């Protein structure tokens, strides 16, 4: 999964232009990413961690920055996540 994030971020950084920012619905993109991740996890009988925000938790500029720090972004999310350790197993 981490490799997928790095690959996506590298491609996004290479292809993104500032003029695209106003035409992209960033929160819709985030919601779609959450749905896709949840669906991918369901193959393994797992679910997406609870507590992820409805809106994109990083700014577009942070996401496409050459020095994007995935660990820092994840650390920013950790206070919002389910206190039980997160993932919900499918029943």
PDB file of N, CA and C in Angstrom:
ATOM      1  N   UNK A   1       0.825  -1.189   0.000  1.00  0.00           N
ATOM      2  CA  UNK A   1       0.000   0.000   0.000  1.00  0.00           C
ATOM      3  C   UNK A   1       0.873   1.258   0.000  1.00  0.00           C
ATOM      4  N   UNK A   2       1.931   1.271   0.774  1.00  0.00           N
ATOM      5  CA  UNK A   2       2.796   2.447   0.835  1.00  0.00           C
ATOM      6  C   UNK A   2       3.402   2.746  -0.542  1.00  0.00           C
ATOM      7  N   UNK A   3       3.803   1.701  -1.249  1.00  0.00           N
ATOM      8  CA  UNK A   3       4.381   1.874  -2.575  1.00  0.00           C
ATOM      9  C   UNK A   3       3.362   2.495  -3.527  1.00  0.00           C
ATOM     10  N   UNK A   4       2.095   2.121  -3.390  1.00  0.00           N
ATOM     11  CA  UNK A   4       1.047   2.704  -4.232  1.00  0.00           C
ATOM     12  C   UNK A   4       0.906   4.199  -3.968  1.00  0.00           C
ATOM     13  N   UNK A   5       0.990   4.587  -2.703  1.00  0.00           N
ATOM     14  CA  UNK A   5       0.874   6.004  -2.350  1.00  0.00           C
ATOM     15  C   UNK A   5       2.041   6.788  -2.949  1.00  0.00           C
ATOM     16  N   UNK A   6       3.238   6.254  -2.822  1.00  0.00           N
ATOM     17  CA  UNK A   6       4.423   6.933  -3.364  1.00  0.00           C
ATOM     18  C   UNK A   6       4.320   7.045  -4.883  1.00  0.00           C
ATOM     19  N   UNK A   7       3.879   5.985  -5.539  1.00  0.00           N
ATOM     20  CA  UNK A   7       3.724   6.002  -6.998  1.00  0.00           C
ATOM     21  C   UNK A   7       2.688   7.034  -7.417  1.00  0.00           C
ATOM     22  N   UNK A   8       1.540   7.051  -6.726  1.00  0.00           N
ATOM     23  CA  UNK A   8       0.500   8.023  -7.044  1.00  0.00           C
ATOM     24  C   UNK A   8       0.996   9.442  -6.824  1.00  0.00           C
ATOM     25  N   UNK A   9       1.641   9.686  -5.704  1.00  0.00           N
ATOM     26  CA  UNK A   9       2.099  11.042  -5.394  1.00  0.00           C
ATOM     27  C   UNK A   9       3.116  11.519  -6.414  1.00  0.00           C
ATOM     28  N   UNK A  10       3.998  10.648  -6.843  1.00  0.00           N
ATOM     29  CA  UNK A  10       5.002  11.010  -7.844  1.00  0.00           C
ATOM     30  C   UNK A  10       4.339  11.365  -9.171  1.00  0.00           C
ATOM     31  N   UNK A  11       3.366  10.556  -9.586  1.00  0.00           N
ATOM     32  CA  UNK A  11       2.652  10.827 -10.838  1.00  0.00           C
ATOM     33  C   UNK A  11       1.850  12.120 -10.731  1.00  0.00           C
ATOM     34  N   UNK A  12       1.173  12.309  -9.613  1.00  0.00           N
ATOM     35  CA  UNK A  12       0.371  13.522  -9.422  1.00  0.00           C
ATOM     36  C   UNK A  12       1.264  14.766  -9.460  1.00  0.00           C
ATOM     37  N   UNK A  13       2.392  14.692  -8.804  1.00  0.00           N
ATOM     38  CA  UNK A  13       3.310  15.837  -8.777  1.00  0.00           C
ATOM     39  C   UNK A  13       3.805  16.168 -10.175  1.00  0.00           C
ATOM     40  N   UNK A  14       4.087  15.147 -10.966  1.00  0.00           N
ATOM     41  CA  UNK A  14       4.598  15.346 -12.315  1.00  0.00           C
ATOM     42  C   UNK A  14       3.540  15.937 -13.247  1.00  0.00           C
ATOM     43  N   UNK A  15       2.278  15.521 -13.075  1.00  0.00           N
ATOM     44  CA  UNK A  15       1.223  15.914 -14.002  1.00  0.00           C
ATOM     45  C   UNK A  15       0.423  17.146 -13.565  1.00  0.00           C
ATOM     46  N   UNK A  16       0.464  17.475 -12.297  1.00  0.00           N
ATOM     47  CA  UNK A  16      -0.356  18.553 -11.739  1.00  0.00           C
ATOM     48  C   UNK A  16       0.171  19.918 -12.162  1.00  0.00           C
ATOM     49  N   UNK A  17      -0.761  20.798 -12.515  1.00  0.00           N
ATOM     50  CA  UNK A  17      -0.414  22.204 -12.764  1.00  0.00           C
ATOM     51  C   UNK A  17      -1.304  23.064 -11.872  1.00  0.00           C
ATOM     52  N   UNK A  18      -0.822  24.223 -11.523  1.00  0.00           N
ATOM     53  CA  UNK A  18      -1.569  25.114 -10.624  1.00  0.00           C
ATOM     54  C   UNK A  18      -2.955  25.455 -11.181  1.00  0.00           C
ATOM     55  N   UNK A  19      -3.086  25.543 -12.500  1.00  0.00           N
ATOM     56  CA  UNK A  19      -4.384  25.885 -13.085  1.00  0.00           C
ATOM     57  C   UNK A  19      -5.424  24.783 -12.884  1.00  0.00           C
ATOM     58  N   UNK A  20      -4.988  23.575 -12.562  1.00  0.00           N
ATOM     59  CA  UNK A  20      -5.918  22.464 -12.334  1.00  0.00           C
ATOM     60  C   UNK A  20      -6.618  22.575 -10.981  1.00  0.00           C
ATOM     61  N   UNK A  21      -6.008  23.269 -10.053  1.00  0.00           N
ATOM     62  CA  UNK A  21      -6.479  23.285  -8.668  1.00  0.00           C
ATOM     63  C   UNK A  21      -7.949  23.662  -8.537  1.00  0.00           C
ATOM     64  N   UNK A  22      -8.383  24.703  -9.234  1.00  0.00           N
ATOM     65  CA  UNK A  22      -9.762  25.171  -9.104  1.00  0.00           C
ATOM     66  C   UNK A  22     -10.760  24.258  -9.796  1.00  0.00           C
ATOM     67  N   UNK A  23     -10.302  23.408 -10.726  1.00  0.00           N
ATOM     68  CA  UNK A  23     -11.209  22.516 -11.441  1.00  0.00           C
ATOM     69  C   UNK A  23     -11.357  21.156 -10.782  1.00  0.00           C
ATOM     70  N   UNK A  24     -10.559  20.862  -9.787  1.00  0.00           N
ATOM     71  CA  UNK A  24     -10.607  19.557  -9.117  1.00  0.00           C
ATOM     72  C   UNK A  24     -11.430  19.688  -7.842  1.00  0.00           C
ATOM     73  N   UNK A  25     -12.374  18.784  -7.674  1.00  0.00           N
ATOM     74  CA  UNK A  25     -13.131  18.717  -6.426  1.00  0.00           C
ATOM     75  C   UNK A  25     -12.331  17.815  -5.480  1.00  0.00           C
ATOM     76  N   UNK A  26     -11.490  18.439  -4.667  1.00  0.00           N
ATOM     77  CA  UNK A  26     -10.542  17.707  -3.828  1.00  0.00           C
ATOM     78  C   UNK A  26     -11.249  16.832  -2.799  1.00  0.00           C
ATOM     79  N   UNK A  27     -12.347  17.329  -2.241  1.00  0.00           N
ATOM     80  CA  UNK A  27     -13.067  16.522  -1.259  1.00  0.00           C
ATOM     81  C   UNK A  27     -13.744  15.320  -1.917  1.00  0.00           C
ATOM     82  N   UNK A  28     -14.240  15.486  -3.140  1.00  0.00           N
ATOM     83  CA  UNK A  28     -14.803  14.357  -3.868  1.00  0.00           C
ATOM     84  C   UNK A  28     -13.714  13.328  -4.178  1.00  0.00           C
ATOM     85  N   UNK A  29     -12.553  13.811  -4.550  1.00  0.00           N
ATOM     86  CA  UNK A  29     -11.419  12.929  -4.813  1.00  0.00           C
ATOM     87  C   UNK A  29     -11.054  12.133  -3.560  1.00  0.00           C
ATOM     88  N   UNK A  30     -11.049  12.791  -2.401  1.00  0.00           N
ATOM     89  CA  UNK A  30     -10.754  12.138  -1.129  1.00  0.00           C
ATOM     90  C   UNK A  30     -11.810  11.081  -0.812  1.00  0.00           C
ATOM     91  N   UNK A  31     -13.082  11.427  -0.972  1.00  0.00           N
ATOM     92  CA  UNK A  31     -14.153  10.463  -0.691  1.00  0.00           C
ATOM     93  C   UNK A  31     -14.050   9.251  -1.609  1.00  0.00           C
ATOM     94  N   UNK A  32     -13.735   9.471  -2.872  1.00  0.00           N
ATOM     95  CA  UNK A  32     -13.572   8.360  -3.816  1.00  0.00           C
ATOM     96  C   UNK A  32     -12.387   7.481  -3.409  1.00  0.00           C
ATOM     97  N   UNK A  33     -11.309   8.103  -2.967  1.00  0.00           N
ATOM     98  CA  UNK A  33     -10.140   7.336  -2.521  1.00  0.00           C
ATOM     99  C   UNK A  33     -10.490   6.484  -1.307  1.00  0.00           C
ATOM    100  N   UNK A  34     -11.276   7.043  -0.379  1.00  0.00           N
ATOM    101  CA  UNK A  34     -11.693   6.258   0.798  1.00  0.00           C
ATOM    102  C   UNK A  34     -12.560   5.078   0.376  1.00  0.00           C
ATOM    103  N   UNK A  35     -13.504   5.304  -0.540  1.00  0.00           N
ATOM    104  CA  UNK A  35     -14.358   4.204  -1.022  1.00  0.00           C
ATOM    105  C   UNK A  35     -13.516   3.120  -1.685  1.00  0.00           C
ATOM    106  N   UNK A  36     -12.579   3.529  -2.519  1.00  0.00           N
ATOM    107  CA  UNK A  36     -11.718   2.564  -3.204  1.00  0.00           C
ATOM    108  C   UNK A  36     -10.862   1.775  -2.223  1.00  0.00           C
ATOM    109  N   UNK A  37     -10.315   2.461  -1.235  1.00  0.00           N
ATOM    110  CA  UNK A  37      -9.495   1.774  -0.235  1.00  0.00           C
ATOM    111  C   UNK A  37     -10.335   0.794   0.568  1.00  0.00           C
ATOM    112  N   UNK A  38     -11.541   1.204   0.953  1.00  0.00           N
ATOM    113  CA  UNK A  38     -12.411   0.315   1.724  1.00  0.00           C
ATOM    114  C   UNK A  38     -12.764  -0.927   0.904  1.00  0.00           C
ATOM    115  N   UNK A  39     -13.048  -0.732  -0.368  1.00  0.00           N
ATOM    116  CA  UNK A  39     -13.367  -1.861  -1.242  1.00  0.00           C
ATOM    117  C   UNK A  39     -12.169  -2.790  -1.385  1.00  0.00           C
ATOM    118  N   UNK A  40     -10.991  -2.237  -1.542  1.00  0.00           N
ATOM    119  CA  UNK A  40      -9.788  -3.059  -1.656  1.00  0.00           C
ATOM    120  C   UNK A  40      -9.538  -3.864  -0.383  1.00  0.00           C
ATOM    121  N   UNK A  41      -9.747  -3.242   0.764  1.00  0.00           N
ATOM    122  CA  UNK A  41      -9.551  -3.941   2.035  1.00  0.00           C
ATOM    123  C   UNK A  41     -10.588  -5.034   2.252  1.00  0.00           C
ATOM    124  N   UNK A  42     -11.780  -4.847   1.717  1.00  0.00           N
ATOM    125  CA  UNK A  42     -12.844  -5.834   1.929  1.00  0.00           C
ATOM    126  C   UNK A  42     -12.487  -7.189   1.310  1.00  0.00           C
ATOM    127  N   UNK A  43     -11.636  -7.189   0.307  1.00  0.00           N
ATOM    128  CA  UNK A  43     -11.174  -8.440  -0.302  1.00  0.00           C
ATOM    129  C   UNK A  43     -10.508  -9.319   0.754  1.00  0.00           C
ATOM    130  N   UNK A  44      -9.885  -8.687   1.730  1.00  0.00           N
ATOM    131  CA  UNK A  44      -9.168  -9.404   2.790  1.00  0.00           C
ATOM    132  C   UNK A  44      -9.981  -9.500   4.074  1.00  0.00           C
ATOM    133  N   UNK A  45     -11.265  -9.173   3.988  1.00  0.00           N
ATOM    134  CA  UNK A  45     -12.115  -9.234   5.170  1.00  0.00           C
ATOM    135  C   UNK A  45     -11.870  -8.109   6.152  1.00  0.00           C
ATOM    136  N   UNK A  46     -11.324  -7.026   5.680  1.00  0.00           N
ATOM    137  CA  UNK A  46     -11.005  -5.888   6.541  1.00  0.00           C
ATOM    138  C   UNK A  46     -11.778  -4.676   6.050  1.00  0.00           C
ATOM    139  N   UNK A  47     -11.781  -3.628   6.849  1.00  0.00           N
ATOM    140  CA  UNK A  47     -12.477  -2.385   6.504  1.00  0.00           C
ATOM    141  C   UNK A  47     -11.529  -1.218   6.734  1.00  0.00           C
ATOM    142  N   UNK A  48     -11.873  -0.110   6.153  1.00  0.00           N
ATOM    143  CA  UNK A  48     -11.100   1.115   6.327  1.00  0.00           C
ATOM    144  C   UNK A  48     -11.182   1.556   7.789  1.00  0.00           C
ATOM    145  N   UNK A  49     -10.120   2.118   8.265  1.00  0.00           N
ATOM    146  CA  UNK A  49     -10.058   2.583   9.650  1.00  0.00           C
ATOM    147  C   UNK A  49     -11.152   3.630   9.906  1.00  0.00           C
ATOM    148  N   UNK A  50     -11.740   3.585  11.079  1.00  0.00           N
ATOM    149  CA  UNK A  50     -12.785   4.544  11.443  1.00  0.00           C
ATOM    150  C   UNK A  50     -12.179   5.885  11.831  1.00  0.00           C
ATOM    151  N   UNK A  51     -12.934   6.933  11.575  1.00  0.00           N
ATOM    152  CA  UNK A  51     -12.533   8.258  12.025  1.00  0.00           C
ATOM    153  C   UNK A  51     -11.866   9.116  10.976  1.00  0.00           C
ATOM    154  N   UNK A  52     -11.673   8.577   9.769  1.00  0.00           N
ATOM    155  CA  UNK A  52     -11.082   9.411   8.727  1.00  0.00           C
ATOM    156  C   UNK A  52     -12.016  10.572   8.418  1.00  0.00           C
ATOM    157  N   UNK A  53     -11.486  11.754   8.195  1.00  0.00           N
ATOM    158  CA  UNK A  53     -12.337  12.925   7.951  1.00  0.00           C
ATOM    159  C   UNK A  53     -13.083  12.818   6.627  1.00  0.00           C
ATOM    160  N   UNK A  54     -14.205  13.543   6.532  1.00  0.00           N
ATOM    161  CA  UNK A  54     -14.974  13.580   5.298  1.00  0.00           C
ATOM    162  C   UNK A  54     -14.249  14.379   4.219  1.00  0.00           C
ATOM    163  N   UNK A  55     -13.525  15.415   4.647  1.00  0.00           N
ATOM    164  CA  UNK A  55     -12.780  16.254   3.708  1.00  0.00           C
ATOM    165  C   UNK A  55     -11.322  15.844   3.631  1.00  0.00           C
ATOM    166  N   UNK A  56     -10.685  16.217   2.552  1.00  0.00           N
ATOM    167  CA  UNK A  56      -9.282  15.870   2.336  1.00  0.00           C
ATOM    168  C   UNK A  56      -8.418  16.450   3.454  1.00  0.00           C
ATOM    169  N   UNK A  57      -7.616  15.609   4.108  1.00  0.00           N
ATOM    170  CA  UNK A  57      -6.865  16.057   5.286  1.00  0.00           C
ATOM    171  C   UNK A  57      -5.562  16.791   4.983  1.00  0.00           C
ATOM    172  N   UNK A  58      -5.162  16.841   3.726  1.00  0.00           N
ATOM    173  CA  UNK A  58      -3.972  17.611   3.347  1.00  0.00           C
ATOM    174  C   UNK A  58      -4.375  18.576   2.244  1.00  0.00           C
ATOM    175  N   UNK A  59      -3.643  19.641   2.113  1.00  0.00           N
ATOM    176  CA  UNK A  59      -3.945  20.602   1.050  1.00  0.00           C
ATOM    177  C   UNK A  59      -3.398  20.076  -0.278  1.00  0.00           C
ATOM    178  N   UNK A  60      -3.957  20.555  -1.382  1.00  0.00           N
ATOM    179  CA  UNK A  60      -3.415  20.153  -2.681  1.00  0.00           C
ATOM    180  C   UNK A  60      -1.925  20.465  -2.808  1.00  0.00           C
ATOM    181  N   UNK A  61      -1.496  21.605  -2.294  1.00  0.00           N
ATOM    182  CA  UNK A  61      -0.076  21.956  -2.378  1.00  0.00           C
ATOM    183  C   UNK A  61       0.793  20.970  -1.609  1.00  0.00           C
ATOM    184  N   UNK A  62       0.318  20.532  -0.448  1.00  0.00           N
ATOM    185  CA  UNK A  62       1.070  19.538   0.325  1.00  0.00           C
ATOM    186  C   UNK A  62       1.140  18.214  -0.433  1.00  0.00           C
ATOM    187  N   UNK A  63       0.026  17.832  -1.026  1.00  0.00           N
ATOM    188  CA  UNK A  63      -0.056  16.548  -1.715  1.00  0.00           C
ATOM    189  C   UNK A  63       0.909  16.443  -2.886  1.00  0.00           C
ATOM    190  N   UNK A  64       1.109  17.531  -3.606  1.00  0.00           N
ATOM    191  CA  UNK A  64       1.969  17.482  -4.792  1.00  0.00           C
ATOM    192  C   UNK A  64       3.367  18.081  -4.556  1.00  0.00           C
ATOM    193  N   UNK A  65       3.688  18.385  -3.317  1.00  0.00           N
ATOM    194  CA  UNK A  65       5.008  18.937  -3.007  1.00  0.00           C
ATOM    195  C   UNK A  65       6.103  17.891  -3.243  1.00  0.00           C
ATOM    196  N   UNK A  66       7.238  18.314  -3.768  1.00  0.00           N
ATOM    197  CA  UNK A  66       8.338  17.366  -3.991  1.00  0.00           C
ATOM    198  C   UNK A  66       8.800  16.676  -2.711  1.00  0.00           C
ATOM    199  N   UNK A  67       8.626  17.356  -1.583  1.00  0.00           N
ATOM    200  CA  UNK A  67       9.064  16.785  -0.306  1.00  0.00           C
ATOM    201  C   UNK A  67       7.884  16.261   0.518  1.00  0.00           C
ATOM    202  N   UNK A  68       6.812  15.827  -0.172  1.00  0.00           N
ATOM    203  CA  UNK A  68       5.644  15.282   0.529  1.00  0.00           C
ATOM    204  C   UNK A  68       6.095  14.224   1.527  1.00  0.00           C
ATOM    205  N   UNK A  69       5.625  14.351   2.759  1.00  0.00           N
ATOM    206  CA  UNK A  69       5.996  13.443   3.837  1.00  0.00           C
ATOM    207  C   UNK A  69       4.758  12.650   4.262  1.00  0.00           C
ATOM    208  N   UNK A  70       4.659  11.422   3.780  1.00  0.00           N
ATOM    209  CA  UNK A  70       3.499  10.599   4.082  1.00  0.00           C
ATOM    210  C   UNK A  70       3.380  10.342   5.587  1.00  0.00           C
ATOM    211  N   UNK A  71       4.482  10.143   6.262  1.00  0.00           N
ATOM    212  CA  UNK A  71       4.432   9.895   7.701  1.00  0.00           C
ATOM    213  C   UNK A  71       3.892  11.104   8.463  1.00  0.00           C
ATOM    214  N   UNK A  72       4.268  12.303   8.042  1.00  0.00           N
ATOM    215  CA  UNK A  72       3.740  13.510   8.684  1.00  0.00           C
ATOM    216  C   UNK A  72       2.241  13.638   8.441  1.00  0.00           C
ATOM    217  N   UNK A  73       1.805  13.315   7.228  1.00  0.00           N
ATOM    218  CA  UNK A  73       0.369  13.363   6.919  1.00  0.00           C
ATOM    219  C   UNK A  73      -0.391  12.347   7.761  1.00  0.00           C
ATOM    220  N   UNK A  74       0.169  11.152   7.912  1.00  0.00           N
ATOM    221  CA  UNK A  74      -0.480  10.123   8.735  1.00  0.00           C
ATOM    222  C   UNK A  74      -0.504  10.529  10.208  1.00  0.00           C
ATOM    223  N   UNK A  75       0.553  11.161  10.677  1.00  0.00           N
ATOM    224  CA  UNK A  75       0.600  11.627  12.068  1.00  0.00           C
ATOM    225  C   UNK A  75      -0.479  12.667  12.332  1.00  0.00           C
ATOM    226  N   UNK A  76      -0.748  13.494  11.340  1.00  0.00           N
ATOM    227  CA  UNK A  76      -1.793  14.504  11.479  1.00  0.00           C
ATOM    228  C   UNK A  76      -3.172  13.847  11.611  1.00  0.00           C
ATOM    229  N   UNK A  77      -3.347  12.700  10.971  1.00  0.00           N
ATOM    230  CA  UNK A  77      -4.628  11.993  11.033  1.00  0.00           C
ATOM    231  C   UNK A  77      -4.825  11.212  12.337  1.00  0.00           C
ATOM    232  N   UNK A  78      -3.762  10.773  12.944  1.00  0.00           N
ATOM    233  CA  UNK A  78      -3.877   9.840  14.071  1.00  0.00           C
ATOM    234  C   UNK A  78      -4.783  10.313  15.211  1.00  0.00           C
ATOM    235  N   UNK A  79      -4.822  11.601  15.569  1.00  0.00           N
ATOM    236  CA  UNK A  79      -5.730  11.997  16.648  1.00  0.00           C
ATOM    237  C   UNK A  79      -7.215  11.839  16.286  1.00  0.00           C
ATOM    238  N   UNK A  80      -7.525  11.752  15.007  1.00  0.00           N
ATOM    239  CA  UNK A  80      -8.913  11.666  14.559  1.00  0.00           C
ATOM    240  C   UNK A  80      -9.421  10.227  14.479  1.00  0.00           C
ATOM    241  N   UNK A  81      -8.525   9.279  14.518  1.00  0.00           N
ATOM    242  CA  UNK A  81      -8.881   7.904  14.244  1.00  0.00           C
ATOM    243  C   UNK A  81      -9.460   7.189  15.452  1.00  0.00           C
ATOM    244  N   UNK A  82     -10.145   6.095  15.170  1.00  0.00           N
ATOM    245  CA  UNK A  82     -10.821   5.324  16.217  1.00  0.00           C
ATOM    246  C   UNK A  82      -9.844   4.928  17.317  1.00  0.00           C
ATOM    247  N   UNK A  83     -10.217   5.143  18.571  1.00  0.00           N
ATOM    248  CA  UNK A  83      -9.317   4.846  19.679  1.00  0.00           C
ATOM    249  C   UNK A  83      -9.056   3.349  19.858  1.00  0.00           C
ATOM    250  N   UNK A  84      -9.868   2.502  19.282  1.00  0.00           N
ATOM    251  CA  UNK A  84      -9.698   1.061  19.449  1.00  0.00           C
ATOM    252  C   UNK A  84      -8.583   0.505  18.582  1.00  0.00           C
ATOM    253  N   UNK A  85      -7.865   1.358  17.909  1.00  0.00           N
ATOM    254  CA  UNK A  85      -6.807   0.876  17.052  1.00  0.00           C
ATOM    255  C   UNK A  85      -7.229   0.886  15.601  1.00  0.00           C
ATOM    256  N   UNK A  86      -8.462   1.220  15.377  1.00  0.00           N
ATOM    257  CA  UNK A  86      -8.829   1.544  14.039  1.00  0.00           C
ATOM    258  C   UNK A  86      -9.671   0.620  13.218  1.00  0.00           C
ATOM    259  N   UNK A  87      -9.060  -0.307  12.572  1.00  0.00           N
ATOM    260  CA  UNK A  87      -9.788  -1.064  11.553  1.00  0.00           C
ATOM    261  C   UNK A  87     -10.937  -1.849  12.135  1.00  0.00           C
ATOM    262  N   UNK A  88     -11.974  -1.889  11.359  1.00  0.00           N
ATOM    263  CA  UNK A  88     -13.148  -2.682  11.712  1.00  0.00           C
ATOM    264  C   UNK A  88     -13.115  -3.933  10.870  1.00  0.00           C
ATOM    265  N   UNK A  89     -13.250  -5.053  11.478  1.00  0.00           N
ATOM    266  CA  UNK A  89     -13.370  -6.305  10.732  1.00  0.00           C
ATOM    267  C   UNK A  89     -14.794  -6.425  10.223  1.00  0.00           C
ATOM    268  N   UNK A  90     -14.901  -6.917   9.000  1.00  0.00           N
ATOM    269  CA  UNK A  90     -16.240  -7.183   8.455  1.00  0.00           C
ATOM    270  C   UNK A  90     -16.864  -8.321   9.239  1.00  0.00           C
ATOM    271  N   UNK A  91     -18.176  -8.267   9.390  1.00  0.00           N
ATOM    272  CA  UNK A  91     -18.855  -9.342  10.106  1.00  0.00           C
ATOM    273  C   UNK A  91     -19.295 -10.411   9.157  1.00  0.00           C
TER     274      UNK A  91
END
